[in-house]
Amino acid sequence: MLLGVDVGEARVGLAASDPVGLLAHPVATLPRDHEGGADLDEIAAEVLSRGAVAVVVGLPRSLSGAEGLAAQRARHYADSLQRRVEVPVRLWDERLTTVDAHRNLRRSGVRGRDQRSVVDQAAAVLILQAALDARNAGRPVGVPLRARKPRARRSGPT
């Protein structure tokens, strides 16, 4: 069982897989809590309650593959989440998932303002489904967070 996360500036979309890891479905849209981290705590609680074995966080890249400010923010968010959970947090290239999510919502009859409350969930579903499809095809599920190098200790005069 995996969880998928789409990190936005104002909201965070959350998706979960079925128990066998074939299909992703929407769970929630959480308000982003930049100060207190309530959104991160809620995801950590979902990891525990659902028995998730990993969390996949979308990493927004440009079409060229470059990482900009949004990708840096997603990496920071994933790092913060990793400190709260005991399962691996992995990054998944999510180029164009929000665009696809908007298109899918329009096709299913969800219009303009109504999309705002669910587009992050829909993007999280697309991120997680792509990761599940990769895993089920024997490919890696994203990339692990970069290992942090331990800070060198300064040795003062003894």
N, C-alpha and C. Protein backbone atom coordinates (compact mmCIF):
# COMPACT_ATOMS: atom_id res chain seq x y z
N MET A 1 0.84 -1.17 0.00
CA MET A 1 0.00 0.00 0.00
C MET A 1 0.89 1.24 0.00
N LEU A 2 0.67 2.10 -0.97
CA LEU A 2 1.46 3.32 -1.10
C LEU A 2 0.55 4.54 -1.00
N LEU A 3 1.13 5.66 -0.61
CA LEU A 3 0.45 6.94 -0.63
C LEU A 3 1.14 7.84 -1.66
N GLY A 4 0.36 8.67 -2.33
CA GLY A 4 0.89 9.64 -3.27
C GLY A 4 0.56 11.04 -2.81
N VAL A 5 1.49 11.97 -3.02
CA VAL A 5 1.32 13.35 -2.55
C VAL A 5 1.64 14.31 -3.69
N ASP A 6 0.72 15.26 -3.91
CA ASP A 6 0.96 16.37 -4.83
C ASP A 6 1.05 17.64 -3.99
N VAL A 7 2.22 18.26 -3.98
CA VAL A 7 2.46 19.43 -3.13
C VAL A 7 2.19 20.70 -3.92
N GLY A 8 1.26 21.50 -3.42
CA GLY A 8 0.98 22.80 -4.01
C GLY A 8 1.31 23.89 -3.01
N GLU A 9 1.25 25.12 -3.46
CA GLU A 9 1.56 26.24 -2.57
C GLU A 9 0.46 26.43 -1.52
N ALA A 10 -0.79 26.21 -1.90
CA ALA A 10 -1.91 26.42 -0.99
C ALA A 10 -2.52 25.12 -0.47
N ARG A 11 -2.42 24.05 -1.27
CA ARG A 11 -3.04 22.78 -0.90
C ARG A 11 -2.12 21.62 -1.22
N VAL A 12 -2.40 20.48 -0.55
CA VAL A 12 -1.66 19.24 -0.78
C VAL A 12 -2.68 18.16 -1.11
N GLY A 13 -2.49 17.50 -2.25
CA GLY A 13 -3.37 16.40 -2.63
C GLY A 13 -2.81 15.10 -2.11
N LEU A 14 -3.70 14.22 -1.65
CA LEU A 14 -3.29 12.93 -1.10
C LEU A 14 -4.08 11.83 -1.80
N ALA A 15 -3.38 10.78 -2.21
CA ALA A 15 -3.99 9.61 -2.84
C ALA A 15 -3.44 8.36 -2.17
N ALA A 16 -4.18 7.26 -2.29
CA ALA A 16 -3.74 5.99 -1.72
C ALA A 16 -3.95 4.89 -2.75
N SER A 17 -3.17 3.84 -2.63
CA SER A 17 -3.38 2.69 -3.50
C SER A 17 -4.34 1.72 -2.82
N ASP A 18 -4.87 0.80 -3.60
CA ASP A 18 -5.64 -0.29 -3.02
C ASP A 18 -4.65 -1.20 -2.28
N PRO A 19 -5.13 -2.13 -1.48
CA PRO A 19 -4.20 -2.96 -0.67
C PRO A 19 -3.16 -3.73 -1.48
N VAL A 20 -3.50 -4.12 -2.72
CA VAL A 20 -2.53 -4.89 -3.50
C VAL A 20 -1.65 -4.01 -4.38
N GLY A 21 -1.91 -2.71 -4.41
CA GLY A 21 -1.04 -1.80 -5.15
C GLY A 21 -1.28 -1.75 -6.64
N LEU A 22 -2.53 -1.91 -7.07
CA LEU A 22 -2.83 -1.82 -8.49
C LEU A 22 -3.44 -0.49 -8.89
N LEU A 23 -4.33 0.03 -8.06
CA LEU A 23 -5.06 1.24 -8.42
C LEU A 23 -4.92 2.33 -7.37
N ALA A 24 -4.80 3.55 -7.84
CA ALA A 24 -4.73 4.72 -6.96
C ALA A 24 -6.11 5.37 -6.90
N HIS A 25 -6.45 5.91 -5.74
CA HIS A 25 -7.72 6.62 -5.59
C HIS A 25 -7.49 7.85 -4.70
N PRO A 26 -8.33 8.88 -4.88
CA PRO A 26 -8.16 10.10 -4.09
C PRO A 26 -8.51 9.88 -2.63
N VAL A 27 -7.81 10.59 -1.74
CA VAL A 27 -8.08 10.51 -0.30
C VAL A 27 -8.54 11.87 0.22
N ALA A 28 -7.74 12.91 0.00
CA ALA A 28 -8.08 14.21 0.58
C ALA A 28 -7.29 15.32 -0.09
N THR A 29 -7.82 16.52 0.06
CA THR A 29 -7.07 17.74 -0.24
C THR A 29 -6.88 18.44 1.09
N LEU A 30 -5.63 18.63 1.46
CA LEU A 30 -5.30 19.23 2.76
C LEU A 30 -4.85 20.67 2.56
N PRO A 31 -5.28 21.57 3.44
CA PRO A 31 -4.73 22.92 3.36
C PRO A 31 -3.25 22.89 3.74
N ARG A 32 -2.44 23.59 3.00
CA ARG A 32 -1.01 23.62 3.27
C ARG A 32 -0.77 24.46 4.52
N ASP A 33 -0.05 23.89 5.48
CA ASP A 33 0.25 24.59 6.73
C ASP A 33 1.75 24.87 6.76
N HIS A 34 2.15 26.02 6.22
CA HIS A 34 3.57 26.37 6.13
C HIS A 34 4.19 26.58 7.50
N GLU A 35 3.41 26.99 8.46
CA GLU A 35 3.95 27.32 9.79
C GLU A 35 4.02 26.11 10.72
N GLY A 36 2.89 25.44 10.93
CA GLY A 36 2.82 24.38 11.94
C GLY A 36 3.01 22.97 11.43
N GLY A 37 2.87 22.75 10.13
CA GLY A 37 3.05 21.41 9.58
C GLY A 37 1.90 20.46 9.84
N ALA A 38 0.69 20.99 10.05
CA ALA A 38 -0.47 20.12 10.30
C ALA A 38 -0.74 19.19 9.12
N ASP A 39 -0.47 19.66 7.89
CA ASP A 39 -0.65 18.82 6.71
C ASP A 39 0.31 17.63 6.74
N LEU A 40 1.54 17.88 7.11
CA LEU A 40 2.53 16.80 7.23
C LEU A 40 2.13 15.81 8.31
N ASP A 41 1.63 16.32 9.43
CA ASP A 41 1.18 15.44 10.51
C ASP A 41 0.01 14.57 10.06
N GLU A 42 -0.88 15.15 9.26
CA GLU A 42 -2.04 14.40 8.78
C GLU A 42 -1.60 13.29 7.81
N ILE A 43 -0.62 13.58 6.97
CA ILE A 43 -0.11 12.55 6.06
C ILE A 43 0.58 11.45 6.88
N ALA A 44 1.36 11.83 7.88
CA ALA A 44 2.01 10.84 8.74
C ALA A 44 0.97 9.95 9.42
N ALA A 45 -0.14 10.53 9.84
CA ALA A 45 -1.21 9.74 10.46
C ALA A 45 -1.83 8.77 9.45
N GLU A 46 -1.97 9.21 8.20
CA GLU A 46 -2.49 8.34 7.14
C GLU A 46 -1.54 7.18 6.87
N VAL A 47 -0.24 7.44 6.90
CA VAL A 47 0.75 6.37 6.72
C VAL A 47 0.52 5.29 7.76
N LEU A 48 0.37 5.69 9.01
CA LEU A 48 0.16 4.73 10.10
C LEU A 48 -1.18 4.02 9.98
N SER A 49 -2.25 4.77 9.79
CA SER A 49 -3.58 4.16 9.81
C SER A 49 -3.81 3.24 8.62
N ARG A 50 -3.18 3.52 7.49
CA ARG A 50 -3.37 2.69 6.30
C ARG A 50 -2.29 1.61 6.16
N GLY A 51 -1.26 1.69 6.99
CA GLY A 51 -0.18 0.72 6.88
C GLY A 51 0.62 0.88 5.60
N ALA A 52 0.81 2.11 5.17
CA ALA A 52 1.56 2.37 3.94
C ALA A 52 3.01 1.93 4.10
N VAL A 53 3.58 1.42 3.02
CA VAL A 53 4.98 0.98 3.05
C VAL A 53 5.91 2.01 2.41
N ALA A 54 5.34 3.02 1.75
CA ALA A 54 6.14 4.09 1.15
C ALA A 54 5.21 5.24 0.78
N VAL A 55 5.82 6.42 0.63
CA VAL A 55 5.09 7.61 0.18
C VAL A 55 5.81 8.14 -1.06
N VAL A 56 5.04 8.44 -2.09
CA VAL A 56 5.59 8.98 -3.33
C VAL A 56 5.17 10.45 -3.43
N VAL A 57 6.14 11.34 -3.47
CA VAL A 57 5.88 12.78 -3.56
C VAL A 57 6.23 13.24 -4.97
N GLY A 58 5.30 13.95 -5.59
CA GLY A 58 5.53 14.46 -6.93
C GLY A 58 6.63 15.52 -6.96
N LEU A 59 7.52 15.40 -7.93
CA LEU A 59 8.61 16.36 -8.11
C LEU A 59 8.38 17.10 -9.43
N PRO A 60 7.92 18.35 -9.36
CA PRO A 60 7.62 19.08 -10.60
C PRO A 60 8.89 19.53 -11.31
N ARG A 61 9.00 19.09 -12.54
CA ARG A 61 10.14 19.48 -13.37
C ARG A 61 9.62 20.15 -14.63
N SER A 62 10.48 20.92 -15.25
CA SER A 62 10.11 21.53 -16.53
C SER A 62 10.16 20.44 -17.60
N LEU A 63 9.66 20.75 -18.78
CA LEU A 63 9.68 19.77 -19.86
C LEU A 63 11.09 19.33 -20.20
N SER A 64 12.07 20.20 -19.98
CA SER A 64 13.47 19.86 -20.26
C SER A 64 14.07 18.97 -19.17
N GLY A 65 13.34 18.82 -18.06
CA GLY A 65 13.85 18.03 -16.95
C GLY A 65 14.51 18.85 -15.86
N ALA A 66 14.63 20.15 -16.09
CA ALA A 66 15.26 21.03 -15.10
C ALA A 66 14.36 21.18 -13.88
N GLU A 67 14.99 21.44 -12.75
CA GLU A 67 14.25 21.67 -11.51
C GLU A 67 14.31 23.14 -11.14
N GLY A 68 13.15 23.72 -10.91
CA GLY A 68 13.06 25.11 -10.51
C GLY A 68 12.66 25.24 -9.06
N LEU A 69 12.08 26.38 -8.74
CA LEU A 69 11.67 26.68 -7.38
C LEU A 69 10.62 25.70 -6.86
N ALA A 70 9.66 25.33 -7.70
CA ALA A 70 8.61 24.38 -7.26
C ALA A 70 9.22 23.03 -6.90
N ALA A 71 10.22 22.59 -7.66
CA ALA A 71 10.88 21.32 -7.35
C ALA A 71 11.65 21.42 -6.03
N GLN A 72 12.31 22.55 -5.81
CA GLN A 72 13.02 22.74 -4.54
C GLN A 72 12.05 22.67 -3.37
N ARG A 73 10.88 23.30 -3.54
CA ARG A 73 9.87 23.27 -2.48
C ARG A 73 9.35 21.85 -2.25
N ALA A 74 9.16 21.10 -3.33
CA ALA A 74 8.69 19.71 -3.20
C ALA A 74 9.74 18.86 -2.49
N ARG A 75 11.02 19.08 -2.82
CA ARG A 75 12.09 18.33 -2.13
C ARG A 75 12.11 18.67 -0.64
N HIS A 76 11.96 19.95 -0.32
CA HIS A 76 11.93 20.37 1.09
C HIS A 76 10.74 19.72 1.81
N TYR A 77 9.60 19.70 1.16
CA TYR A 77 8.40 19.10 1.74
C TYR A 77 8.64 17.60 1.97
N ALA A 78 9.21 16.93 0.99
CA ALA A 78 9.49 15.49 1.12
C ALA A 78 10.47 15.23 2.27
N ASP A 79 11.48 16.09 2.40
CA ASP A 79 12.43 15.96 3.52
C ASP A 79 11.70 16.11 4.86
N SER A 80 10.82 17.10 4.94
CA SER A 80 10.07 17.32 6.18
C SER A 80 9.16 16.13 6.48
N LEU A 81 8.55 15.57 5.45
CA LEU A 81 7.70 14.40 5.64
C LEU A 81 8.53 13.20 6.09
N GLN A 82 9.71 13.03 5.49
CA GLN A 82 10.56 11.89 5.84
C GLN A 82 10.93 11.91 7.32
N ARG A 83 11.07 13.09 7.89
CA ARG A 83 11.40 13.19 9.31
C ARG A 83 10.22 12.78 10.20
N ARG A 84 9.02 12.70 9.63
CA ARG A 84 7.83 12.36 10.42
C ARG A 84 7.37 10.92 10.25
N VAL A 85 7.87 10.22 9.24
CA VAL A 85 7.41 8.85 8.98
C VAL A 85 8.59 7.89 8.97
N GLU A 86 8.29 6.62 9.22
CA GLU A 86 9.34 5.61 9.25
C GLU A 86 9.41 4.79 7.97
N VAL A 87 8.63 5.16 6.97
CA VAL A 87 8.66 4.47 5.69
C VAL A 87 9.41 5.34 4.69
N PRO A 88 9.92 4.75 3.61
CA PRO A 88 10.65 5.56 2.64
C PRO A 88 9.74 6.59 1.96
N VAL A 89 10.29 7.76 1.72
CA VAL A 89 9.63 8.80 0.92
C VAL A 89 10.44 8.89 -0.36
N ARG A 90 9.75 8.73 -1.49
CA ARG A 90 10.43 8.73 -2.78
C ARG A 90 9.87 9.86 -3.65
N LEU A 91 10.69 10.36 -4.54
CA LEU A 91 10.29 11.45 -5.43
C LEU A 91 9.95 10.89 -6.81
N TRP A 92 8.86 11.39 -7.38
CA TRP A 92 8.41 10.93 -8.69
C TRP A 92 8.30 12.13 -9.63
N ASP A 93 8.89 12.02 -10.80
CA ASP A 93 8.83 13.07 -11.82
C ASP A 93 7.36 13.27 -12.22
N GLU A 94 6.83 14.43 -11.92
CA GLU A 94 5.41 14.68 -12.16
C GLU A 94 5.16 15.72 -13.23
N ARG A 95 5.99 15.73 -14.25
CA ARG A 95 5.78 16.70 -15.33
C ARG A 95 4.36 16.61 -15.88
N LEU A 96 3.68 17.74 -15.91
CA LEU A 96 2.36 17.90 -16.52
C LEU A 96 1.21 17.21 -15.80
N THR A 97 1.41 16.67 -14.60
CA THR A 97 0.29 15.97 -13.94
C THR A 97 -0.85 16.92 -13.59
N THR A 98 -0.55 18.14 -13.18
CA THR A 98 -1.63 19.07 -12.85
C THR A 98 -2.40 19.46 -14.11
N VAL A 99 -1.70 19.62 -15.22
CA VAL A 99 -2.36 19.90 -16.50
C VAL A 99 -3.28 18.74 -16.86
N ASP A 100 -2.77 17.51 -16.74
CA ASP A 100 -3.58 16.33 -17.03
C ASP A 100 -4.76 16.21 -16.07
N ALA A 101 -4.53 16.54 -14.81
CA ALA A 101 -5.61 16.47 -13.82
C ALA A 101 -6.72 17.45 -14.18
N HIS A 102 -6.36 18.69 -14.55
CA HIS A 102 -7.38 19.67 -14.97
C HIS A 102 -8.15 19.15 -16.19
N ARG A 103 -7.43 18.61 -17.16
CA ARG A 103 -8.07 18.09 -18.37
C ARG A 103 -9.04 16.96 -18.03
N ASN A 104 -8.61 16.02 -17.18
CA ASN A 104 -9.47 14.90 -16.79
C ASN A 104 -10.71 15.38 -16.04
N LEU A 105 -10.54 16.37 -15.18
CA LEU A 105 -11.69 16.91 -14.44
C LEU A 105 -12.68 17.59 -15.39
N ARG A 106 -12.16 18.36 -16.36
CA ARG A 106 -13.04 19.00 -17.34
C ARG A 106 -13.82 17.95 -18.12
N ARG A 107 -13.12 16.90 -18.55
CA ARG A 107 -13.79 15.83 -19.31
C ARG A 107 -14.88 15.14 -18.51
N SER A 108 -14.70 15.07 -17.20
CA SER A 108 -15.71 14.41 -16.37
C SER A 108 -16.77 15.39 -15.87
N GLY A 109 -16.76 16.62 -16.40
CA GLY A 109 -17.82 17.57 -16.11
C GLY A 109 -17.58 18.50 -14.94
N VAL A 110 -16.41 18.46 -14.32
CA VAL A 110 -16.10 19.37 -13.21
C VAL A 110 -15.60 20.68 -13.83
N ARG A 111 -16.23 21.77 -13.47
CA ARG A 111 -15.92 23.06 -14.10
C ARG A 111 -15.10 23.98 -13.20
N GLY A 112 -14.36 24.88 -13.84
CA GLY A 112 -13.61 25.97 -13.23
C GLY A 112 -13.34 25.94 -11.75
N ARG A 113 -14.10 26.73 -11.00
CA ARG A 113 -13.86 26.88 -9.56
C ARG A 113 -14.01 25.56 -8.81
N ASP A 114 -14.89 24.69 -9.27
CA ASP A 114 -15.09 23.41 -8.59
C ASP A 114 -13.84 22.54 -8.67
N GLN A 115 -13.00 22.78 -9.67
CA GLN A 115 -11.77 21.99 -9.82
C GLN A 115 -10.77 22.30 -8.72
N ARG A 116 -10.81 23.53 -8.22
CA ARG A 116 -9.80 23.98 -7.26
C ARG A 116 -9.71 23.05 -6.05
N SER A 117 -10.85 22.58 -5.57
CA SER A 117 -10.86 21.77 -4.34
C SER A 117 -10.42 20.33 -4.57
N VAL A 118 -10.40 19.88 -5.83
CA VAL A 118 -10.07 18.47 -6.07
C VAL A 118 -8.89 18.24 -7.01
N VAL A 119 -8.38 19.30 -7.65
CA VAL A 119 -7.32 19.10 -8.63
C VAL A 119 -6.06 18.53 -8.00
N ASP A 120 -5.76 18.91 -6.76
CA ASP A 120 -4.56 18.38 -6.11
C ASP A 120 -4.71 16.89 -5.81
N GLN A 121 -5.92 16.47 -5.43
CA GLN A 121 -6.18 15.04 -5.25
C GLN A 121 -6.02 14.30 -6.57
N ALA A 122 -6.60 14.88 -7.63
CA ALA A 122 -6.53 14.24 -8.94
C ALA A 122 -5.08 14.12 -9.41
N ALA A 123 -4.28 15.15 -9.16
CA ALA A 123 -2.85 15.09 -9.53
C ALA A 123 -2.13 14.04 -8.69
N ALA A 124 -2.47 13.94 -7.40
CA ALA A 124 -1.86 12.92 -6.54
C ALA A 124 -2.19 11.52 -7.04
N VAL A 125 -3.42 11.33 -7.53
CA VAL A 125 -3.82 10.04 -8.10
C VAL A 125 -2.96 9.72 -9.32
N LEU A 126 -2.76 10.70 -10.21
CA LEU A 126 -1.95 10.48 -11.40
C LEU A 126 -0.50 10.15 -11.04
N ILE A 127 0.05 10.86 -10.07
CA ILE A 127 1.42 10.60 -9.62
C ILE A 127 1.53 9.19 -9.08
N LEU A 128 0.62 8.83 -8.18
CA LEU A 128 0.68 7.51 -7.56
C LEU A 128 0.42 6.41 -8.57
N GLN A 129 -0.55 6.60 -9.48
CA GLN A 129 -0.84 5.55 -10.47
C GLN A 129 0.37 5.30 -11.36
N ALA A 130 1.06 6.35 -11.77
CA ALA A 130 2.27 6.18 -12.59
C ALA A 130 3.34 5.41 -11.82
N ALA A 131 3.48 5.71 -10.53
CA ALA A 131 4.46 5.00 -9.70
C ALA A 131 4.07 3.53 -9.53
N LEU A 132 2.78 3.27 -9.32
CA LEU A 132 2.31 1.88 -9.20
C LEU A 132 2.54 1.11 -10.49
N ASP A 133 2.23 1.75 -11.62
CA ASP A 133 2.43 1.10 -12.92
C ASP A 133 3.90 0.76 -13.13
N ALA A 134 4.79 1.67 -12.74
CA ALA A 134 6.23 1.41 -12.86
C ALA A 134 6.63 0.24 -11.97
N ARG A 135 6.19 0.26 -10.72
CA ARG A 135 6.53 -0.83 -9.80
C ARG A 135 6.02 -2.17 -10.31
N ASN A 136 4.79 -2.18 -10.81
CA ASN A 136 4.20 -3.43 -11.28
C ASN A 136 4.84 -3.93 -12.58
N ALA A 137 5.57 -3.05 -13.27
CA ALA A 137 6.31 -3.43 -14.47
C ALA A 137 7.77 -3.76 -14.13
N GLY A 138 8.11 -3.74 -12.84
CA GLY A 138 9.46 -4.08 -12.42
C GLY A 138 10.44 -2.92 -12.46
N ARG A 139 9.93 -1.71 -12.65
CA ARG A 139 10.81 -0.54 -12.66
C ARG A 139 10.82 0.11 -11.29
N PRO A 140 11.82 0.91 -10.99
CA PRO A 140 11.88 1.57 -9.68
C PRO A 140 10.75 2.58 -9.50
N VAL A 141 10.32 2.73 -8.27
CA VAL A 141 9.29 3.71 -7.93
C VAL A 141 9.99 5.01 -7.56
N GLY A 142 10.22 5.84 -8.55
CA GLY A 142 10.86 7.13 -8.29
C GLY A 142 12.28 6.99 -7.80
N VAL A 143 12.72 8.04 -7.16
CA VAL A 143 14.08 8.06 -6.61
C VAL A 143 14.00 8.37 -5.13
N PRO A 144 14.90 7.78 -4.35
CA PRO A 144 14.90 8.11 -2.91
C PRO A 144 15.38 9.53 -2.70
N LEU A 145 15.03 10.07 -1.56
CA LEU A 145 15.55 11.39 -1.20
C LEU A 145 17.06 11.31 -1.15
N ARG A 146 17.70 12.40 -1.50
CA ARG A 146 19.16 12.44 -1.42
C ARG A 146 19.59 12.28 0.03
N ALA A 147 20.56 11.44 0.23
CA ALA A 147 21.08 11.28 1.59
C ALA A 147 21.78 12.57 2.00
N ARG A 148 21.51 12.96 3.19
CA ARG A 148 22.16 14.17 3.69
C ARG A 148 23.55 13.82 4.20
N LYS A 149 24.49 14.67 3.84
CA LYS A 149 25.84 14.48 4.36
C LYS A 149 25.88 14.99 5.79
N PRO A 150 26.48 14.24 6.68
CA PRO A 150 26.57 14.74 8.05
C PRO A 150 27.43 16.00 8.08
N ARG A 151 27.03 16.93 8.90
CA ARG A 151 27.81 18.16 9.02
C ARG A 151 29.14 17.86 9.68
N ALA A 152 30.16 18.47 9.13
CA ALA A 152 31.49 18.30 9.73
C ALA A 152 31.52 19.06 11.05
N ARG A 153 32.03 18.43 12.03
CA ARG A 153 32.14 19.09 13.33
C ARG A 153 33.39 19.95 13.35
N ARG A 154 33.23 21.10 13.88
CA ARG A 154 34.40 21.97 14.01
C ARG A 154 35.15 21.57 15.25
N SER A 155 36.40 21.43 15.06
CA SER A 155 37.20 21.13 16.25
C SER A 155 37.85 22.42 16.71
N GLY A 156 37.50 22.78 17.89
CA GLY A 156 38.04 24.01 18.46
C GLY A 156 39.35 23.73 19.17
N PRO A 157 39.92 24.73 19.73
CA PRO A 157 41.16 24.54 20.47
C PRO A 157 40.91 23.64 21.68
N THR A 158 41.81 22.75 21.90
CA THR A 158 41.68 21.84 23.05
C THR A 158 42.69 22.12 24.11
